[in-house]
């Protein structure tokens, strides 16, 4: 069966509406949090990695119809968009929990403190986990086995590089409070990594 999200109709329209809404959400968040100082060049590959993953996922879904996920055609769309929505809710919760400390750039602000409440109780980078869940959800919605890793690989690589860099900065300043926080939490997946 051909994946519905890349072969026209309501499923494809829903898929692109969700992807477009996500883009607007991120643009709004970026405008809302601009400033904060510093020239962080890691923002560029991070920003480009998400649409690159989406483009690879769509290409994979269009060319790998014989690798379609099993079952009726709508289940990958529904499951994928549910994972997508949960990922964006996690990202929004993380951004809300950080409040004024959330920035797109890696920057230590005046009176910066370690936030260890909300999703930060369990993982150090729930905002990144949420983005990766959203991207994986779009990969599932595309309906092929190949579309999932194709969507996920570019942002996963970019976010891992970014979070390692971010942790180096935060381990120096605010320093010991962040190093202590690192020792009791995982990076992206509770109990795993």
Protein backbone atom coordinates (compact mmCIF):
# COMPACT_ATOMS: atom_id res chain seq x y z
CA UNK A 1 0.00 0.00 0.00
CA UNK A 2 1.31 3.46 -0.87
CA UNK A 3 1.90 5.85 2.04
CA UNK A 4 -1.02 8.28 2.24
CA UNK A 5 0.97 11.29 3.44
CA UNK A 6 2.85 11.64 0.13
CA UNK A 7 0.20 10.61 -2.39
CA UNK A 8 -2.35 13.40 -2.25
CA UNK A 9 -5.64 13.72 -0.48
CA UNK A 10 -6.53 14.57 3.10
CA UNK A 11 -3.59 12.74 4.70
CA UNK A 12 -1.03 14.69 2.69
CA UNK A 13 -2.82 17.99 3.36
CA UNK A 14 -2.91 17.22 7.10
CA UNK A 15 0.78 16.24 7.07
CA UNK A 16 1.84 19.50 5.40
CA UNK A 17 -0.48 21.58 7.58
CA UNK A 18 1.22 20.12 10.68
CA UNK A 19 4.71 20.65 9.25
CA UNK A 20 3.83 24.23 8.29
CA UNK A 21 2.31 24.97 11.70
CA UNK A 22 5.50 23.65 13.32
CA UNK A 23 7.57 25.98 11.15
CA UNK A 24 5.43 28.95 12.22
CA UNK A 25 5.68 27.87 15.87
CA UNK A 26 9.48 27.76 15.67
CA UNK A 27 9.66 31.10 13.85
CA UNK A 28 7.45 32.71 16.48
CA UNK A 29 9.57 31.20 19.25
CA UNK A 30 12.74 32.40 17.56
CA UNK A 31 11.42 35.96 17.23
CA UNK A 32 10.16 35.94 20.82
CA UNK A 33 13.52 34.84 22.21
CA UNK A 34 15.90 36.77 19.99
CA UNK A 35 18.74 38.58 21.61
CA UNK A 36 20.72 37.28 24.49
CA UNK A 37 24.13 38.05 23.05
CA UNK A 38 26.79 35.84 21.64
CA UNK A 39 27.34 34.54 18.14
CA UNK A 40 26.42 30.90 18.21
CA UNK A 41 27.04 29.38 14.79
CA UNK A 42 25.48 26.05 15.82
CA UNK A 43 22.04 27.61 15.27
CA UNK A 44 22.50 27.41 11.49
CA UNK A 45 23.06 23.63 11.17
CA UNK A 46 20.36 23.03 13.78
CA UNK A 47 17.88 25.12 11.85
CA UNK A 48 18.76 23.52 8.52
CA UNK A 49 18.82 19.97 9.87
CA UNK A 50 15.09 19.87 10.64
CA UNK A 51 13.82 20.71 7.12
CA UNK A 52 16.63 18.58 5.66
CA UNK A 53 15.37 15.61 7.65
CA UNK A 54 11.82 16.32 6.55
CA UNK A 55 12.90 16.54 2.90
CA UNK A 56 14.82 13.26 3.17
CA UNK A 57 11.82 11.61 4.82
CA UNK A 58 9.46 12.74 2.07
CA UNK A 59 11.91 11.57 -0.59
CA UNK A 60 12.23 8.20 1.17
CA UNK A 61 8.45 7.84 1.44
CA UNK A 62 7.91 8.66 -2.23
CA UNK A 63 10.58 6.28 -3.44
CA UNK A 64 10.19 3.43 -0.94
CA UNK A 65 6.49 2.62 -1.20
CA UNK A 66 7.38 -1.08 -1.08
CA UNK A 67 8.73 -0.47 2.45
CA UNK A 68 5.40 0.86 3.71
CA UNK A 69 4.55 0.34 7.35
CA UNK A 70 2.09 -2.56 7.75
CA UNK A 71 -1.61 -2.13 8.32
CA UNK A 72 -4.29 0.21 7.00
CA UNK A 73 -3.11 3.44 5.39
CA UNK A 74 -4.31 5.93 8.02
CA UNK A 75 -2.70 4.38 11.10
CA UNK A 76 0.84 5.71 10.38
CA UNK A 77 -0.60 9.19 9.81
CA UNK A 78 -2.58 9.14 13.06
CA UNK A 79 0.22 7.57 15.13
CA UNK A 80 2.87 9.80 13.58
CA UNK A 81 0.95 13.02 14.09
CA UNK A 82 0.20 11.98 17.68
CA UNK A 83 3.93 11.48 18.37
CA UNK A 84 4.55 14.79 16.56
CA UNK A 85 2.05 16.62 18.79
CA UNK A 86 3.44 15.03 21.96
CA UNK A 87 6.93 16.11 20.93
CA UNK A 88 5.84 19.70 20.40
CA UNK A 89 4.01 19.69 23.73
CA UNK A 90 7.20 18.49 25.44
CA UNK A 91 9.17 21.23 23.69
CA UNK A 92 6.64 23.87 24.69
CA UNK A 93 6.66 22.64 28.30
CA UNK A 94 10.47 22.76 28.37
CA UNK A 95 10.56 26.28 26.90
CA UNK A 96 7.91 27.41 29.40
CA UNK A 97 9.84 25.87 32.29
CA UNK A 98 13.05 27.68 31.29
CA UNK A 99 11.20 30.96 30.91
CA UNK A 100 13.57 33.84 30.21
CA UNK A 101 16.55 31.48 30.21
CA UNK A 102 15.39 29.88 26.93
CA UNK A 103 17.35 31.16 23.93
CA UNK A 104 18.09 29.69 20.52
CA UNK A 105 21.76 30.48 21.07
CA UNK A 106 24.01 28.98 23.71
CA UNK A 107 24.47 31.85 26.14
CA UNK A 108 24.90 32.11 29.89
CA UNK A 109 22.84 35.03 31.11
CA UNK A 110 23.35 37.25 34.12
CA UNK A 111 22.06 35.48 37.26
CA UNK A 112 21.73 32.27 35.23
CA UNK A 113 20.58 29.33 37.34
CA UNK A 114 20.14 25.63 36.70
CA UNK A 115 16.50 24.74 36.05
CA UNK A 116 15.70 21.26 37.34
CA UNK A 117 11.92 21.35 37.48
CA UNK A 118 9.25 20.09 35.08
CA UNK A 119 10.76 17.89 32.36
CA UNK A 120 14.24 19.02 33.46
CA UNK A 121 13.86 16.78 36.52
CA UNK A 122 14.47 13.76 34.27
CA UNK A 123 16.49 14.97 31.28
CA UNK A 124 18.82 17.88 30.59
CA UNK A 125 17.56 18.69 27.09
CA UNK A 126 13.79 18.05 26.95
CA UNK A 127 13.36 20.76 24.33
CA UNK A 128 15.66 18.82 21.99
CA UNK A 129 13.93 15.55 22.88
CA UNK A 130 10.62 17.19 21.95
CA UNK A 131 11.98 18.37 18.61
CA UNK A 132 13.36 14.93 17.84
CA UNK A 133 10.02 13.33 18.79
CA UNK A 134 8.25 15.75 16.45
CA UNK A 135 10.60 14.88 13.62
CA UNK A 136 10.23 11.13 14.30
CA UNK A 137 6.47 11.58 14.35
CA UNK A 138 6.55 13.14 10.90
CA UNK A 139 8.70 10.22 9.75
CA UNK A 140 6.11 7.76 11.05
CA UNK A 141 3.30 9.77 9.43
CA UNK A 142 5.10 9.46 6.09
CA UNK A 143 4.33 5.75 6.34
CA UNK A 144 7.53 3.90 5.40
CA UNK A 145 10.24 2.20 7.40
CA UNK A 146 12.84 4.30 5.59
CA UNK A 147 11.13 7.65 6.21
CA UNK A 148 11.58 7.40 9.99
CA UNK A 149 15.41 7.30 10.11
CA UNK A 150 15.59 9.63 7.10
CA UNK A 151 13.61 12.29 9.00
CA UNK A 152 15.42 11.70 12.26
CA UNK A 153 19.10 11.37 11.27
CA UNK A 154 20.00 14.97 10.25
CA UNK A 155 18.50 16.69 13.31
CA UNK A 156 19.74 13.95 15.65
CA UNK A 157 23.32 14.48 14.50
CA UNK A 158 23.00 18.28 14.71
CA UNK A 159 21.35 18.23 18.14
CA UNK A 160 23.88 15.82 19.65
CA UNK A 161 26.73 18.06 18.48
CA UNK A 162 24.89 21.10 19.86
CA UNK A 163 24.04 19.63 23.23
CA UNK A 164 27.60 18.43 23.83
CA UNK A 165 28.82 21.96 23.08
CA UNK A 166 26.12 23.47 25.27
CA UNK A 167 27.06 21.20 28.16
CA UNK A 168 30.71 22.21 27.91
CA UNK A 169 29.72 25.87 28.23
CA UNK A 170 27.34 25.26 31.14
CA UNK A 171 29.83 23.05 32.98
CA UNK A 172 32.13 26.10 33.16
CA UNK A 173 29.47 28.68 33.95
CA UNK A 174 27.30 28.27 36.04
CA UNK A 175 29.80 25.48 36.80
CA UNK A 176 29.36 23.23 39.81
CA UNK A 177 25.55 23.49 40.02
CA UNK A 178 25.31 22.35 36.39
CA UNK A 179 27.93 19.61 36.82
CA UNK A 180 25.96 18.29 39.79
CA UNK A 181 22.78 18.42 37.71
CA UNK A 182 24.56 16.51 34.91
CA UNK A 183 25.51 13.74 37.35
CA UNK A 184 21.87 13.05 38.27
CA UNK A 185 20.11 13.39 34.89
CA UNK A 186 20.32 11.93 31.39
CA UNK A 187 20.70 14.00 28.23
CA UNK A 188 17.75 13.11 25.98
CA UNK A 189 16.08 9.88 27.12
CA UNK A 190 15.22 9.21 30.78
CA UNK A 191 17.20 6.27 32.11
CA UNK A 192 19.09 5.74 28.83
CA UNK A 193 21.17 8.64 27.45
